[in-house]
Amino acid sequence: MSLLSRLALENRDRLRHSRTARQLIARTLFIKMGKARSDASATDIARSIVELCRIARIAQTEELMLTIEAEIQRRIKALEGRPLDWGEWTPSWNTGQIEKAMVLKPWVSERERGVVFVSFEYQWARLMGMAKLPEFARRYALIVAPSWSPPHTIETTLFPALYPDSRIFTIISNVMDVRILPRLSKKFCVVPLIASNWVNPDLYQPVPFAEKTIDIVMLAGFGIYKRHFALFQALRDLPPTVTVVLVGQAVQGRTAKTLYEEARLYGVQDRFELRENISDEALTRTLAQAKVSIILSNQEGSCVAVVEAMAADTPVGIYEDAIIGSGAFINQHTGRFFKREGLGAQLRDFLAAAESYTPRQWMMENGVGCHQGSAALNRALKDAALQTGEEWTRDLVVHHLRPDPILLRPEDRAALDSEYEEIRSRFGVRIGRT
C-alpha cells in the first residue's frame, strides 16, 4: 500500500504539471462551458468568470489564454450596470476591515491624491463593499498586488471594470504579468516590481558559513503545490548526515501530520526537523543558519521566500522551468536552477558549492530590497501623476513585508495615524491591522 500511495502521489503531480495535460484539460473545460446564456443572472455570469479565470490559469499557450480572456471580457460587458454580491465568490468577505493594506501617502488636496496599497486579491475586492467608493477613488490612488501568476482571477478581471477610477496601479507576481495584466484591463498601470522587492535586509543577520548548523532549509506552507514529496524523494539519495529543516504552517487541511505521512511513504520521516508557526525572528535565524534553501513548487506567485533566504546570505535553488516570480533573481551569485531528474545528486552538488555563493552581496548591490522597491514605486506614481496634470509634493513612505506589508519607520506610522482614522470615519473601513 505504501508503494501504491507513493506512485499515486507522484503520478498526480505529473498530471497536474504536465504542459500537454494542462493544455488539454483547459481546452476541454473551456469548450464545455459554452457561450453565456442571455438570460443568465448576474451571479451566474460572475461565477462563470471565476471558472474562466481558473481555466486561463491552467492554459499553457498564449493562443488559448487570449481566447479565454476574450470570453471573460464578453461576460464582463454583459454585467454592466447589474448589482453584484462580491461575498458570493470572494473568501473571507469583510467590508469593514482590509488588513493587508497600508496608506503610503495621505490625501493632500483636490489636485494631489493620497495613495493606498492593498495586497492579495480577496482583500482589494473588499473595496467593492464601500458605501462611498467613488469618493474614495477620487481621494486615493490605488495600488494592488496580485498574488499568483498567471494573474487571472475575478478581481483582476471584473474588479477593474467596476472600480470607479480610470487608472489602477498594480505590481506583478512574474515578469509575464507585464504583458498579461493590461490585457485583462486597460485601467491597469503596471509597475514591474514583485512582492520580493520589499524584503527588508536589515532584519537578517547572516552568520559565517563555518558556523551554519543546517544543510538544507525549505520555507514553504504545507500546501500540495509546494511539493514537499519531491524533497522526501531526494532525501533517499542523500547521506543521513545531511540536516534538513522544514519551516511552514498548515494550509487547507494539510498539516504537519500530512507531511510526516508523505515522508513515511519514502522512508524518510525521521530525516528532517519540522518548525511550524515560528516567529519572524526565529524564521530569519533559521534561514541564516542554513547552507542552502530550496523551493520545489512548479508554479506560484512571486515567492518572497526566495529573497528572504538571499537576505540571510543563503543561496536558493528552484527548478529551471518553474513559474516563480523571484526566479528572476537567481543567478550564479545567488543560487542555482535544478533540472527535473536527479534532485538528490544536484542537492549534493549545491551543498558542496554553497560557500562560494554571495546572495546577500548581490542583492544589496543590485537594488533588491524595501528601500529601493519603495523608491521605484514612488518614481512610477510620481511620473504618472505629473503626466496627467496632478501635483506631487509629497513622496510615498517606505514599506516592507513582515510578513504582511507594513510601514517601515515608526515615525511614518505615527504621522499617518490621522489618515487611517480619516478613512475609518469617512468610509467605514479599517486599513491595516490597527
Protein backbone atom coordinates (compact mmCIF):
# COMPACT_ATOMS: atom_id res chain seq x y z
CA MET A 1 0.00 0.00 0.00
CA SER A 2 2.90 2.35 0.71
CA LEU A 3 4.32 1.91 -2.79
CA LEU A 4 0.89 2.40 -4.38
CA SER A 5 0.28 5.55 -2.35
CA ARG A 6 3.67 6.92 -3.35
CA LEU A 7 3.10 6.24 -7.02
CA ALA A 8 -0.36 7.83 -6.83
CA LEU A 9 1.16 10.98 -5.30
CA GLU A 10 3.86 11.22 -7.97
CA ASN A 11 1.55 10.43 -10.88
CA ARG A 12 -0.98 13.01 -9.71
CA ASP A 13 1.80 15.58 -9.60
CA ARG A 14 3.00 14.68 -13.11
CA LEU A 15 -0.53 15.03 -14.47
CA ARG A 16 -1.12 18.28 -12.60
CA HIS A 17 2.01 19.89 -14.04
CA SER A 18 2.27 18.25 -17.46
CA ARG A 19 2.13 21.05 -20.03
CA THR A 20 0.31 18.86 -22.55
CA ALA A 21 -2.18 17.55 -19.99
CA ARG A 22 -2.95 21.02 -18.64
CA GLN A 23 -3.49 22.39 -22.13
CA LEU A 24 -5.88 19.55 -22.97
CA ILE A 25 -7.77 19.98 -19.69
CA ALA A 26 -8.07 23.74 -20.24
CA ARG A 27 -9.39 23.32 -23.79
CA THR A 28 -11.87 20.68 -22.70
CA LEU A 29 -13.19 22.77 -19.81
CA PHE A 30 -13.45 25.87 -22.00
CA ILE A 31 -15.44 24.03 -24.68
CA LYS A 32 -17.76 22.51 -22.06
CA MET A 33 -18.61 25.97 -20.71
CA GLY A 34 -20.06 27.11 -24.00
CA LYS A 35 -21.42 30.59 -24.56
CA ALA A 36 -23.04 32.64 -21.80
CA ARG A 37 -26.82 32.34 -21.71
CA SER A 38 -28.63 35.56 -22.49
CA ASP A 39 -31.00 35.02 -19.56
CA ALA A 40 -28.25 34.23 -17.02
CA SER A 41 -28.36 36.08 -13.72
CA ALA A 42 -25.59 38.45 -12.70
CA THR A 43 -24.44 35.97 -10.05
CA ASP A 44 -24.27 33.14 -12.58
CA ILE A 45 -22.28 35.27 -15.00
CA ALA A 46 -19.85 36.26 -12.25
CA ARG A 47 -19.44 32.61 -11.26
CA SER A 48 -18.72 31.74 -14.87
CA ILE A 49 -15.99 34.41 -14.90
CA VAL A 50 -14.45 32.78 -11.83
CA GLU A 51 -14.39 29.46 -13.70
CA LEU A 52 -12.98 31.01 -16.89
CA CYS A 53 -10.18 32.57 -14.87
CA ARG A 54 -9.38 29.17 -13.38
CA ILE A 55 -9.22 27.69 -16.88
CA ALA A 56 -6.98 30.55 -18.06
CA ARG A 57 -4.52 29.80 -15.25
CA ILE A 58 -4.35 26.19 -16.45
CA ALA A 59 -3.87 27.11 -20.12
CA GLN A 60 -0.33 26.58 -21.34
CA THR A 61 -0.43 28.52 -24.61
CA GLU A 62 -0.78 32.21 -25.31
CA GLU A 63 -3.33 31.49 -28.04
CA LEU A 64 -5.69 29.65 -25.69
CA MET A 65 -5.21 32.23 -22.97
CA LEU A 66 -6.17 35.04 -25.36
CA THR A 67 -9.30 33.15 -26.44
CA ILE A 68 -10.39 32.70 -22.82
CA GLU A 69 -9.63 36.33 -21.99
CA ALA A 70 -11.86 37.47 -24.86
CA GLU A 71 -14.74 35.39 -23.48
CA ILE A 72 -14.15 36.82 -19.99
CA GLN A 73 -14.42 40.34 -21.40
CA ARG A 74 -17.68 39.48 -23.19
CA ARG A 75 -19.18 38.29 -19.92
CA ILE A 76 -17.95 41.34 -18.04
CA LYS A 77 -19.68 43.53 -20.62
CA ALA A 78 -22.92 41.60 -20.01
CA LEU A 79 -22.72 42.59 -16.34
CA GLU A 80 -22.66 46.35 -16.93
CA GLY A 81 -24.98 48.15 -14.53
CA ARG A 82 -26.17 44.99 -12.75
CA PRO A 83 -25.76 44.73 -8.97
CA LEU A 84 -23.39 42.08 -7.65
CA ASP A 85 -22.77 40.46 -4.30
CA TRP A 86 -19.00 40.03 -4.05
CA GLY A 87 -19.42 37.94 -0.92
CA GLU A 88 -20.76 35.14 -3.16
CA TRP A 89 -17.33 34.27 -4.55
CA THR A 90 -14.75 36.19 -2.51
CA PRO A 91 -13.35 34.33 0.54
CA SER A 92 -13.26 35.99 3.96
CA TRP A 93 -15.62 38.73 2.84
CA ASN A 94 -15.37 41.60 5.32
CA THR A 95 -16.16 45.08 4.09
CA GLY A 96 -15.14 46.76 7.33
CA GLN A 97 -11.52 45.63 7.51
CA ILE A 98 -8.71 45.41 4.93
CA GLU A 99 -5.83 44.00 6.96
CA LYS A 100 -3.19 43.56 4.26
CA ALA A 101 -3.16 47.21 3.29
CA MET A 102 -1.39 50.48 4.05
CA VAL A 103 -1.62 54.18 3.46
CA LEU A 104 1.58 55.15 1.66
CA LYS A 105 0.69 58.80 1.25
CA PRO A 106 -2.02 60.97 2.83
CA TRP A 107 -4.56 62.95 0.84
CA VAL A 108 -3.04 66.40 0.22
CA SER A 109 -5.52 68.34 -1.92
CA GLU A 110 -8.05 68.03 -4.73
CA ARG A 111 -5.08 68.02 -7.10
CA GLU A 112 -2.88 65.66 -5.10
CA ARG A 113 -4.40 62.39 -4.05
CA GLY A 114 -3.21 60.11 -1.33
CA VAL A 115 -2.06 56.54 -2.07
CA VAL A 116 -3.38 53.29 -0.63
CA PHE A 117 -1.68 49.92 -1.21
CA VAL A 118 -3.72 46.70 -0.92
CA SER A 119 -2.16 43.24 -1.18
CA PHE A 120 -3.93 39.97 -2.13
CA GLU A 121 -6.93 39.90 -4.46
CA TYR A 122 -9.56 38.94 -1.90
CA GLN A 123 -8.51 41.96 0.15
CA TRP A 124 -8.88 44.55 -2.60
CA ALA A 125 -12.23 43.02 -3.56
CA ARG A 126 -13.48 44.27 -0.18
CA LEU A 127 -13.30 47.81 -1.53
CA MET A 128 -16.38 46.97 -3.60
CA GLY A 129 -18.42 46.91 -0.40
CA MET A 130 -17.51 50.51 0.44
CA ALA A 131 -20.56 52.80 0.53
CA LYS A 132 -18.73 55.88 -0.78
CA LEU A 133 -16.37 54.17 -3.18
CA PRO A 134 -16.37 56.94 -5.86
CA GLU A 135 -15.28 59.45 -3.24
CA PHE A 136 -12.55 57.08 -2.01
CA ALA A 137 -11.25 56.71 -5.60
CA ARG A 138 -11.17 60.50 -6.00
CA ARG A 139 -9.13 60.90 -2.82
CA TYR A 140 -6.70 57.99 -3.19
CA ALA A 141 -4.73 56.40 -5.99
CA LEU A 142 -4.93 52.62 -5.59
CA ILE A 143 -2.02 50.18 -5.82
CA VAL A 144 -2.88 46.48 -5.86
CA ALA A 145 -0.68 43.41 -5.63
CA PRO A 146 -1.76 40.19 -7.39
CA SER A 147 -0.57 37.05 -5.58
CA TRP A 148 -0.37 34.44 -8.36
CA SER A 149 0.78 34.05 -11.93
CA PRO A 150 -0.77 33.83 -14.42
CA PRO A 151 -2.85 36.53 -12.66
CA HIS A 152 -6.34 35.66 -13.93
CA THR A 153 -8.91 36.00 -11.14
CA ILE A 154 -12.28 37.66 -10.80
CA GLU A 155 -10.51 40.51 -9.02
CA THR A 156 -8.02 41.14 -11.85
CA THR A 157 -10.79 41.00 -14.47
CA LEU A 158 -14.10 42.18 -13.03
CA PHE A 159 -12.80 44.44 -10.25
CA PRO A 160 -11.05 46.98 -12.55
CA ALA A 161 -14.13 47.13 -14.78
CA LEU A 162 -16.25 48.21 -11.81
CA TYR A 163 -13.77 50.25 -9.78
CA PRO A 164 -14.60 53.96 -10.28
CA ASP A 165 -11.18 55.20 -11.40
CA SER A 166 -9.55 55.36 -14.81
CA ARG A 167 -6.26 54.02 -13.53
CA ILE A 168 -5.27 51.31 -11.06
CA PHE A 169 -1.60 50.78 -10.31
CA THR A 170 -0.52 47.17 -9.98
CA ILE A 171 2.72 45.39 -9.23
CA ILE A 172 3.32 41.89 -10.61
CA SER A 173 4.00 38.33 -9.46
CA ASN A 174 6.03 37.33 -12.52
CA VAL A 175 7.58 39.14 -15.48
CA MET A 176 4.94 37.55 -17.76
CA ASP A 177 2.32 39.62 -15.93
CA VAL A 178 3.69 42.80 -17.52
CA ARG A 179 2.01 41.80 -20.79
CA ILE A 180 -0.98 39.92 -19.32
CA LEU A 181 -2.41 42.45 -16.85
CA PRO A 182 -3.01 45.24 -19.44
CA ARG A 183 -4.95 42.67 -21.48
CA LEU A 184 -7.21 41.98 -18.50
CA SER A 185 -7.96 45.69 -18.08
CA LYS A 186 -6.79 48.87 -19.80
CA LYS A 187 -7.05 50.53 -16.40
CA PHE A 188 -4.05 48.64 -15.08
CA CYS A 189 -0.88 50.73 -14.90
CA VAL A 190 1.78 48.08 -14.37
CA VAL A 191 4.79 48.77 -12.17
CA PRO A 192 7.29 45.93 -12.84
CA LEU A 193 8.09 45.13 -9.21
CA ILE A 194 7.21 41.95 -7.33
CA ALA A 195 6.43 41.39 -3.65
CA SER A 196 10.02 40.19 -3.09
CA ASN A 197 11.21 43.71 -3.84
CA TRP A 198 10.02 44.65 -0.35
CA VAL A 199 12.10 42.24 1.72
CA ASN A 200 13.93 44.21 4.42
CA PRO A 201 17.58 43.06 4.53
CA ASP A 202 18.11 44.83 7.86
CA LEU A 203 16.03 42.14 9.58
CA TYR A 204 18.52 39.42 8.66
CA GLN A 205 21.83 38.77 10.42
CA PRO A 206 24.00 36.45 8.31
CA VAL A 207 26.39 34.09 10.07
CA PRO A 208 29.78 32.88 8.83
CA PHE A 209 29.49 29.78 6.65
CA ALA A 210 31.56 27.71 9.07
CA GLU A 211 29.01 28.42 11.80
CA LYS A 212 25.95 27.33 9.84
CA THR A 213 24.22 24.38 11.51
CA ILE A 214 21.59 23.44 8.90
CA ASP A 215 22.38 21.97 5.49
CA ILE A 216 19.02 22.44 3.73
CA VAL A 217 16.09 24.62 4.68
CA MET A 218 12.72 24.66 2.90
CA LEU A 219 10.45 27.57 3.80
CA ALA A 220 7.01 26.65 2.47
CA GLY A 221 3.46 26.32 3.66
CA PHE A 222 2.13 22.77 3.74
CA GLY A 223 0.04 23.20 0.56
CA ILE A 224 0.22 20.42 -2.02
CA TYR A 225 1.67 22.78 -4.66
CA LYS A 226 4.81 23.27 -2.56
CA ARG A 227 5.71 19.64 -3.41
CA HIS A 228 7.43 18.54 -0.21
CA PHE A 229 7.29 14.99 -1.54
CA ALA A 230 9.99 15.89 -4.10
CA LEU A 231 12.37 16.63 -1.22
CA PHE A 232 11.39 13.41 0.55
CA GLN A 233 12.13 11.51 -2.65
CA ALA A 234 15.54 13.22 -2.94
CA LEU A 235 16.46 12.55 0.68
CA ARG A 236 16.75 8.85 -0.09
CA ASP A 237 19.78 9.73 -2.26
CA LEU A 238 21.45 11.92 0.39
CA PRO A 239 23.55 10.70 3.31
CA PRO A 240 21.79 10.65 6.70
CA THR A 241 24.26 13.23 7.99
CA VAL A 242 22.58 15.94 5.88
CA THR A 243 20.49 18.11 8.20
CA VAL A 244 17.16 19.34 6.86
CA VAL A 245 14.70 21.81 8.40
CA LEU A 246 11.19 22.43 7.07
CA VAL A 247 9.51 25.69 8.07
CA GLY A 248 5.84 26.43 7.43
CA GLN A 249 2.26 26.17 8.56
CA ALA A 250 -0.90 24.19 7.85
CA VAL A 251 -2.71 25.07 4.61
CA GLN A 252 -6.20 23.96 3.51
CA GLY A 253 -6.33 20.96 5.80
CA ARG A 254 -2.77 19.82 5.12
CA THR A 255 -0.99 19.70 8.47
CA ALA A 256 2.32 18.59 9.90
CA LYS A 257 0.79 15.12 10.15
CA THR A 258 0.19 15.19 6.38
CA LEU A 259 3.86 15.89 5.72
CA TYR A 260 5.04 13.14 8.05
CA GLU A 261 2.67 10.69 6.35
CA GLU A 262 4.06 11.63 2.93
CA ALA A 263 7.63 11.37 4.23
CA ARG A 264 6.85 7.90 5.57
CA LEU A 265 5.97 6.79 2.03
CA TYR A 266 9.63 7.39 1.17
CA GLY A 267 11.04 6.09 4.46
CA VAL A 268 12.47 9.48 5.48
CA GLN A 269 10.05 10.55 8.21
CA ASP A 270 12.98 10.82 10.66
CA ARG A 271 15.32 12.72 8.31
CA PHE A 272 14.15 16.27 8.94
CA GLU A 273 13.08 18.71 11.63
CA LEU A 274 9.74 20.49 11.23
CA ARG A 275 9.37 24.01 12.63
CA GLU A 276 5.74 25.09 12.48
CA ASN A 277 4.29 28.60 13.01
CA ILE A 278 7.56 30.07 14.24
CA SER A 279 8.05 33.79 14.90
CA ASP A 280 9.55 36.17 12.34
CA GLU A 281 12.70 36.39 14.44
CA ALA A 282 13.05 32.60 14.58
CA LEU A 283 12.45 32.45 10.83
CA THR A 284 15.25 34.88 9.99
CA ARG A 285 17.64 32.99 12.30
CA THR A 286 16.72 29.67 10.68
CA LEU A 287 17.35 30.98 7.18
CA ALA A 288 20.71 32.42 8.23
CA GLN A 289 21.77 29.10 9.78
CA ALA A 290 21.16 27.18 6.54
CA LYS A 291 23.78 26.47 3.89
CA VAL A 292 21.19 26.31 1.10
CA SER A 293 17.47 26.98 0.72
CA ILE A 294 15.18 25.25 -1.74
CA ILE A 295 11.77 25.93 -3.29
CA LEU A 296 10.27 22.95 -5.14
CA SER A 297 6.91 24.31 -6.35
CA ASN A 298 6.24 24.31 -10.07
CA GLN A 299 4.11 27.43 -10.09
CA GLU A 300 3.09 30.20 -7.70
CA GLY A 301 3.34 33.95 -7.33
CA SER A 302 6.46 35.94 -6.57
CA CYS A 303 7.56 33.58 -3.74
CA VAL A 304 9.05 36.01 -1.23
CA ALA A 305 10.86 33.11 0.49
CA VAL A 306 13.48 33.19 -2.29
CA VAL A 307 14.64 36.72 -1.48
CA GLU A 308 14.22 36.22 2.26
CA ALA A 309 16.84 33.48 2.03
CA MET A 310 19.08 35.71 -0.07
CA ALA A 311 18.84 38.45 2.55
CA ALA A 312 20.05 35.89 5.10
CA ASP A 313 23.01 35.17 2.76
CA THR A 314 21.69 31.71 1.92
CA PRO A 315 21.70 30.66 -1.77
CA VAL A 316 18.45 29.35 -3.23
CA GLY A 317 17.65 26.52 -5.61
CA ILE A 318 14.48 26.25 -7.73
CA TYR A 319 13.51 24.24 -10.82
CA GLU A 320 14.70 25.74 -14.10
CA ASP A 321 11.20 25.62 -15.61
CA ALA A 322 9.27 26.73 -12.51
CA ILE A 323 6.87 29.65 -12.91
CA ILE A 324 8.07 31.61 -9.87
CA GLY A 325 8.48 35.37 -10.00
CA SER A 326 11.57 35.53 -7.79
CA GLY A 327 13.33 33.21 -10.19
CA ALA A 328 14.36 36.48 -11.86
CA PHE A 329 16.83 36.94 -9.00
CA ILE A 330 18.50 33.53 -9.30
CA ASN A 331 21.93 33.61 -10.95
CA GLN A 332 25.47 32.32 -10.44
CA HIS A 333 25.84 34.56 -7.39
CA THR A 334 22.55 33.80 -5.65
CA GLY A 335 21.74 30.12 -6.28
CA ARG A 336 21.07 27.54 -8.94
CA PHE A 337 18.38 26.07 -11.16
CA PHE A 338 17.55 22.38 -10.78
CA LYS A 339 16.75 20.01 -13.59
CA ARG A 340 13.79 17.69 -13.11
CA GLU A 341 15.69 14.44 -12.78
CA GLY A 342 18.20 13.52 -10.10
CA LEU A 343 17.39 16.13 -7.47
CA GLY A 344 19.34 14.27 -4.78
CA ALA A 345 22.62 14.45 -6.72
CA GLN A 346 22.01 18.10 -7.55
CA LEU A 347 21.45 18.89 -3.88
CA ARG A 348 24.79 17.24 -3.05
CA ASP A 349 26.49 19.45 -5.64
CA PHE A 350 24.66 22.52 -4.38
CA LEU A 351 25.80 21.89 -0.82
CA ALA A 352 29.38 21.30 -1.95
CA ALA A 353 29.45 24.71 -3.66
CA ALA A 354 27.29 26.58 -1.15
CA GLU A 355 30.13 28.59 0.38
CA SER A 356 31.03 30.14 -2.99
CA TYR A 357 27.70 31.95 -3.43
CA THR A 358 27.21 35.58 -2.35
CA PRO A 359 23.42 36.13 -2.46
CA ARG A 360 23.18 38.95 0.08
CA GLN A 361 26.01 40.89 -1.54
CA TRP A 362 24.39 40.55 -4.96
CA MET A 363 21.02 41.59 -3.54
CA MET A 364 22.43 44.73 -1.91
CA GLU A 365 24.48 45.71 -4.97
CA ASN A 366 21.57 45.25 -7.38
CA GLY A 367 18.84 47.21 -5.62
CA VAL A 368 16.68 44.37 -4.34
CA GLY A 369 15.10 45.42 -1.06
CA CYS A 370 12.41 47.55 0.53
CA HIS A 371 14.20 50.90 0.22
CA GLN A 372 14.91 50.50 -3.48
CA GLY A 373 11.48 48.98 -4.12
CA SER A 374 9.71 51.89 -2.46
CA ALA A 375 11.85 54.38 -4.37
CA ALA A 376 10.99 52.73 -7.70
CA LEU A 377 7.29 52.64 -6.83
CA ASN A 378 7.43 56.31 -5.87
CA ARG A 379 9.03 57.24 -9.21
CA ALA A 380 6.35 55.37 -11.14
CA LEU A 381 3.44 57.03 -9.33
CA LYS A 382 5.03 60.47 -9.38
CA ASP A 383 5.68 60.30 -13.12
CA ALA A 384 2.13 59.10 -13.79
CA ALA A 385 0.63 61.88 -11.64
CA LEU A 386 2.64 64.64 -13.30
CA GLN A 387 1.86 63.34 -16.78
CA THR A 388 -1.87 63.65 -16.09
CA GLY A 389 -1.64 67.16 -14.62
CA GLU A 390 -1.80 66.16 -10.97
CA GLU A 391 0.55 67.59 -8.37
CA TRP A 392 3.21 65.68 -6.45
CA THR A 393 4.69 67.47 -3.45
CA ARG A 394 4.92 64.55 -1.04
CA ASP A 395 6.59 61.18 -1.62
CA LEU A 396 5.47 57.70 -0.61
CA VAL A 397 6.73 56.36 2.70
CA VAL A 398 8.81 53.17 2.74
CA HIS A 399 7.13 49.85 3.45
CA HIS A 400 8.37 46.28 3.84
CA LEU A 401 6.99 42.76 4.36
CA ARG A 402 6.82 41.21 7.84
CA PRO A 403 5.14 39.07 6.50
CA ASP A 404 2.24 41.37 5.55
CA PRO A 405 3.04 44.81 4.11
CA ILE A 406 3.67 47.38 6.86
CA LEU A 407 5.28 50.79 7.05
CA LEU A 408 8.99 50.58 7.82
CA ARG A 409 9.58 53.60 10.06
CA PRO A 410 7.63 54.08 13.31
CA GLU A 411 7.60 57.85 12.74
CA ASP A 412 5.80 57.37 9.42
CA ARG A 413 3.20 55.19 11.10
CA ALA A 414 2.64 57.84 13.76
CA ALA A 415 2.41 60.62 11.17
CA LEU A 416 -0.22 58.72 9.21
CA ASP A 417 -2.40 57.79 12.18
CA SER A 418 -4.79 60.63 11.43
CA GLU A 419 -5.13 59.47 7.80
CA TYR A 420 -6.05 55.95 8.89
CA GLU A 421 -8.66 57.44 11.22
CA GLU A 422 -9.97 59.70 8.46
CA ILE A 423 -10.52 56.66 6.20
CA ARG A 424 -12.24 54.80 9.01
CA SER A 425 -14.59 57.64 9.88
CA ARG A 426 -15.29 58.80 6.31
CA PHE A 427 -15.57 55.41 4.58
CA GLY A 428 -16.22 52.94 7.39
CA VAL A 429 -13.15 50.80 6.59
CA ARG A 430 -10.17 50.00 8.78
CA ILE A 431 -6.94 49.84 6.78
CA GLY A 432 -4.21 47.52 8.11
CA ARG A 433 -4.30 45.56 11.35
CA THR A 434 -4.89 48.57 13.59
